[in-house]
Amino acid sequence: MTTRPRGKGARRVRAGVLAFAAVSVLLLGELRAAMAGEPTDQIRTDIAAMYGALGASASAPSPSGMASVRKVADQMFDWRAMAREALGDHWAKRTAEERNEFARLFVNLFEDAYLSKIRLAEADKFEYLGETVLGDEAVVRTRVVTRNGTAIPVSYRARRDEAGRWRVYDLDVERISLVRNYRSQFASIIRRTSFEQLLARMKAAEDKRTGFEGGRAGDLLVAGGESPLKEIR
C-alpha cells in the first residue's frame, strides 16, 4: 500500500480552509451590515427611548412621560408626509389651512394609536429582523411579541431627510400598509359625506380621547383584520 506525500496536500487543505474562513468572515460582515444598519439602529434607539419614557408598567404613563414619548415620536415619524399620503388625491384640493388642520388631527389619531399599542409588548420583545436600503429609502423589518404571546410582523418604511435622519413614513403590519388603510377609509368617508364631515368626525374622535391617558385611540398595531378608524366611522 503506497502512501501519498502529505506535505503539499496538507498545505493545500490548510490554504483552502483559511481562504474559506476569510470569505466567510467577509460575507458575515456584509450580512450583519444588511441586518443592522443605520436605519435599524435609529429606529431601535427611538423605540427604546419611548419605552424608557413609558416605564415598565403596562398601565397608563404619566403626563410628563407621554410628553417625552411624543417628542421622540415627532422625531421618528414624518407626520406631514404621512398625512399627505393618507389624504391621497384630496390633499391637493384643500387649502393650506385645511391641510394643516387635517395633518394635526391625523397626527393625533395615528400617534395615540401607535403609542397605545406599543405598550402591549415588552421592550425586550421587539425583534429586529433586518433591513433593506435603496438610496434614501429603507425598510426595517421587526417582529413584535405582545404580552399574550401573539407575534406580529411590523415593517417600518423610512426615508432619509435633508439632515440625514431616517424618518418613518409608513408602517406595514402583517403586510398591510397602515397609511393606505387610512387613505382608503378617509376616501370612503369623503365620498359618502364630505371632507368637512371627515374633519368633524376626526375632531369628535379627538374629543372622545380627551381624558384618556393613552387608552384605546383607534387600533393600529393589531392583526390586519381590525380597522384603525373605528372611532370615526
Protein backbone atom coordinates (compact mmCIF):
# COMPACT_ATOMS: atom_id res chain seq x y z
CA MET A 1 0.00 0.00 0.00
CA THR A 2 1.54 3.28 -1.11
CA THR A 3 1.40 6.44 0.96
CA ARG A 4 0.81 9.84 -0.60
CA PRO A 5 3.18 12.66 0.16
CA ARG A 6 1.46 14.69 2.88
CA GLY A 7 3.37 17.96 2.68
CA LYS A 8 1.84 19.67 -0.34
CA GLY A 9 -1.61 18.12 0.17
CA ALA A 10 -1.82 19.26 3.77
CA ARG A 11 -0.69 22.73 2.84
CA ARG A 12 -3.35 22.92 0.11
CA VAL A 13 -6.04 21.83 2.56
CA ARG A 14 -4.94 24.37 5.14
CA ALA A 15 -4.81 27.11 2.50
CA GLY A 16 -8.31 26.19 1.32
CA VAL A 17 -9.68 26.24 4.85
CA LEU A 18 -8.10 29.64 5.54
CA ALA A 19 -9.43 31.07 2.28
CA PHE A 20 -12.94 29.78 3.05
CA ALA A 21 -12.75 31.23 6.56
CA ALA A 22 -11.66 34.61 5.20
CA VAL A 23 -14.51 34.70 2.67
CA SER A 24 -16.96 33.62 5.36
CA VAL A 25 -15.87 36.47 7.62
CA LEU A 26 -16.33 38.96 4.80
CA LEU A 27 -19.76 37.60 3.90
CA LEU A 28 -20.89 37.58 7.52
CA GLY A 29 -19.71 41.15 7.87
CA GLU A 30 -21.77 42.19 4.84
CA LEU A 31 -24.76 40.24 6.19
CA ARG A 32 -24.54 41.98 9.55
CA ALA A 33 -24.37 45.34 7.80
CA ALA A 34 -27.52 44.47 5.87
CA MET A 35 -29.27 43.23 9.02
CA ALA A 36 -28.41 46.13 11.34
CA GLY A 37 -27.52 49.33 9.55
CA GLU A 38 -28.16 52.98 10.28
CA PRO A 39 -31.96 52.90 9.74
CA THR A 40 -32.36 49.94 12.11
CA ASP A 41 -30.10 51.49 14.72
CA GLN A 42 -32.02 54.75 14.61
CA ILE A 43 -35.46 53.14 14.88
CA ARG A 44 -34.21 50.82 17.63
CA THR A 45 -32.90 53.85 19.55
CA ASP A 46 -36.17 55.76 19.13
CA ILE A 47 -38.32 52.83 20.26
CA ALA A 48 -36.03 52.21 23.24
CA ALA A 49 -36.40 55.89 24.18
CA MET A 50 -40.19 55.58 24.00
CA TYR A 51 -40.13 52.57 26.30
CA GLY A 52 -37.84 54.40 28.68
CA ALA A 53 -40.34 57.25 28.90
CA LEU A 54 -43.36 54.93 29.14
CA GLY A 55 -41.88 52.96 32.02
CA ALA A 56 -42.02 49.24 32.68
CA SER A 57 -45.68 49.16 33.67
CA ALA A 58 -48.42 48.35 31.18
CA SER A 59 -50.61 50.97 32.87
CA ALA A 60 -51.04 54.49 31.54
CA PRO A 61 -47.86 56.62 31.70
CA SER A 62 -47.65 59.96 33.46
CA PRO A 63 -48.35 63.18 31.51
CA SER A 64 -44.64 64.03 31.60
CA GLY A 65 -43.81 60.55 30.32
CA MET A 66 -46.27 60.93 27.46
CA ALA A 67 -44.79 64.31 26.59
CA SER A 68 -41.33 62.73 26.35
CA VAL A 69 -42.67 59.89 24.21
CA ARG A 70 -44.39 62.29 21.83
CA LYS A 71 -41.18 64.25 21.45
CA VAL A 72 -39.39 61.09 20.33
CA ALA A 73 -42.29 60.17 18.03
CA ASP A 74 -42.16 63.60 16.41
CA GLN A 75 -38.54 62.92 15.50
CA MET A 76 -39.16 59.36 14.39
CA PHE A 77 -42.19 59.90 12.13
CA ASP A 78 -42.53 62.20 9.12
CA TRP A 79 -46.04 63.29 10.09
CA ARG A 80 -46.53 65.72 7.21
CA ALA A 81 -45.67 63.12 4.59
CA MET A 82 -47.90 60.55 6.29
CA ALA A 83 -50.85 62.96 6.43
CA ARG A 84 -50.40 63.87 2.77
CA GLU A 85 -50.31 60.23 1.71
CA ALA A 86 -53.26 59.33 3.92
CA LEU A 87 -55.44 62.01 2.31
CA GLY A 88 -54.32 61.00 -1.19
CA ASP A 89 -55.68 62.98 -4.14
CA HIS A 90 -57.82 65.08 -1.82
CA TRP A 91 -54.71 66.76 -0.38
CA ALA A 92 -54.16 68.91 -3.48
CA LYS A 93 -57.81 70.09 -3.37
CA ARG A 94 -57.59 71.51 0.15
CA THR A 95 -56.43 74.94 1.29
CA ALA A 96 -53.30 75.36 3.38
CA GLU A 97 -55.44 75.89 6.46
CA GLU A 98 -57.45 72.72 5.79
CA ARG A 99 -54.28 70.72 5.21
CA ASN A 100 -52.79 71.93 8.48
CA GLU A 101 -55.95 71.05 10.42
CA PHE A 102 -56.19 67.62 8.80
CA ALA A 103 -52.49 66.95 9.47
CA ARG A 104 -52.91 67.94 13.14
CA LEU A 105 -55.90 65.64 13.61
CA PHE A 106 -54.24 62.80 11.70
CA VAL A 107 -51.07 63.03 13.77
CA ASN A 108 -53.08 62.81 16.99
CA LEU A 109 -55.07 59.84 15.69
CA PHE A 110 -52.04 57.90 14.45
CA GLU A 111 -49.74 58.83 17.31
CA ASP A 112 -52.21 57.96 20.06
CA ALA A 113 -52.97 54.64 18.39
CA TYR A 114 -49.31 53.73 17.92
CA LEU A 115 -48.36 54.66 21.46
CA SER A 116 -51.32 52.82 22.96
CA LYS A 117 -50.39 49.66 21.09
CA ILE A 118 -46.66 49.82 21.72
CA ARG A 119 -47.45 49.23 25.39
CA LEU A 120 -48.94 45.84 24.53
CA ALA A 121 -45.42 44.44 24.11
CA GLU A 122 -42.44 44.26 26.44
CA ALA A 123 -39.41 46.27 25.34
CA ASP A 124 -37.28 43.13 25.02
CA LYS A 125 -39.93 41.50 22.80
CA PHE A 126 -39.17 43.78 19.87
CA GLU A 127 -37.15 41.69 17.42
CA TYR A 128 -35.19 43.41 14.65
CA LEU A 129 -35.00 41.04 11.71
CA GLY A 130 -33.12 43.05 9.08
CA GLU A 131 -33.37 45.96 6.72
CA THR A 132 -33.38 46.78 3.03
CA VAL A 133 -31.86 50.09 1.90
CA LEU A 134 -32.18 51.54 -1.58
CA GLY A 135 -30.75 55.03 -1.82
CA ASP A 136 -32.66 57.26 0.57
CA GLU A 137 -35.42 54.67 1.16
CA ALA A 138 -35.29 51.90 3.75
CA VAL A 139 -37.49 49.15 5.15
CA VAL A 140 -36.72 47.94 8.67
CA ARG A 141 -38.33 44.59 9.44
CA THR A 142 -39.33 43.80 13.01
CA ARG A 143 -41.48 41.34 14.88
CA VAL A 144 -43.46 42.36 17.94
CA VAL A 145 -44.42 39.75 20.51
CA THR A 146 -47.30 41.02 22.63
CA ARG A 147 -47.78 40.26 26.31
CA ASN A 148 -50.24 37.49 25.42
CA GLY A 149 -47.67 35.82 23.15
CA THR A 150 -49.00 36.93 19.76
CA ALA A 151 -46.22 37.60 17.22
CA ILE A 152 -46.94 40.45 14.79
CA PRO A 153 -44.60 41.33 11.89
CA VAL A 154 -44.18 45.10 11.57
CA SER A 155 -42.09 46.80 8.88
CA TYR A 156 -41.09 50.43 9.23
CA ARG A 157 -40.77 52.31 5.94
CA ALA A 158 -38.34 55.19 6.33
CA ARG A 159 -36.89 57.94 4.17
CA ARG A 160 -33.68 59.88 4.80
CA ASP A 161 -34.34 63.60 5.11
CA GLU A 162 -32.06 66.51 4.22
CA ALA A 163 -30.50 66.43 7.66
CA GLY A 164 -29.54 62.77 7.17
CA ARG A 165 -32.10 61.41 9.62
CA TRP A 166 -34.22 58.39 8.75
CA ARG A 167 -37.89 59.24 9.34
CA VAL A 168 -40.74 56.73 9.19
CA TYR A 169 -43.49 57.50 6.66
CA ASP A 170 -45.49 54.25 6.84
CA LEU A 171 -45.88 51.03 8.78
CA ASP A 172 -46.72 47.63 7.30
CA VAL A 173 -48.46 45.49 9.91
CA GLU A 174 -48.82 41.90 8.75
CA ARG A 175 -48.04 43.19 5.24
CA ILE A 176 -50.83 45.76 5.33
CA SER A 177 -49.86 49.42 4.88
CA LEU A 178 -51.45 51.46 7.63
CA VAL A 179 -51.25 54.71 5.67
CA ARG A 180 -53.01 53.11 2.69
CA ASN A 181 -55.56 51.65 5.10
CA TYR A 182 -56.27 55.13 6.43
CA ARG A 183 -56.39 56.55 2.89
CA SER A 184 -58.97 54.01 1.81
CA GLN A 185 -61.21 54.76 4.75
CA PHE A 186 -60.77 58.54 4.55
CA ALA A 187 -61.68 58.41 0.84
CA SER A 188 -64.77 56.36 1.65
CA ILE A 189 -65.94 58.87 4.24
CA ILE A 190 -65.34 61.81 1.89
CA ARG A 191 -67.16 60.02 -0.94
CA ARG A 192 -70.17 59.22 1.25
CA THR A 193 -70.25 62.59 3.01
CA SER A 194 -67.66 65.35 2.58
CA PHE A 195 -64.17 66.45 3.60
CA GLU A 196 -65.75 68.73 6.21
CA GLN A 197 -67.56 65.74 7.68
CA LEU A 198 -64.30 63.80 7.82
CA LEU A 199 -62.72 66.61 9.83
CA ALA A 200 -65.77 66.75 12.09
CA ARG A 201 -65.53 63.01 12.79
CA MET A 202 -61.81 63.22 13.46
CA LYS A 203 -62.42 66.10 15.87
CA ALA A 204 -65.15 64.08 17.60
CA ALA A 205 -62.74 61.16 17.96
CA GLU A 206 -60.15 63.56 19.39
CA ASP A 207 -62.68 64.90 21.90
CA LYS A 208 -63.63 61.34 22.84
CA ARG A 209 -59.99 60.54 23.57
CA THR A 210 -59.62 63.59 25.80
CA GLY A 211 -59.36 62.38 29.36
CA PHE A 212 -57.90 59.01 28.34
CA GLU A 213 -54.23 58.53 29.17
CA GLY A 214 -53.24 56.59 26.09
CA GLY A 215 -56.36 54.39 26.16
CA ARG A 216 -57.86 52.92 23.01
CA ALA A 217 -57.27 55.54 20.36
CA GLY A 218 -58.12 53.66 17.20
CA ASP A 219 -56.48 50.27 16.80
CA LEU A 220 -53.15 50.25 14.95
CA LEU A 221 -50.65 47.58 15.89
CA VAL A 222 -53.19 44.82 15.54
CA ALA A 223 -53.92 41.97 13.21
CA GLY A 224 -54.81 43.26 9.78
CA GLY A 225 -58.50 42.43 10.04
CA GLU A 226 -59.32 45.19 12.51
CA SER A 227 -59.98 48.75 11.38
CA PRO A 228 -57.72 51.53 12.68
CA LEU A 229 -60.60 54.00 12.27
CA LYS A 230 -63.30 52.50 14.46
CA GLU A 231 -63.87 55.78 16.26
CA ILE A 232 -64.52 58.00 13.25
CA ARG A 233 -66.78 55.84 11.14
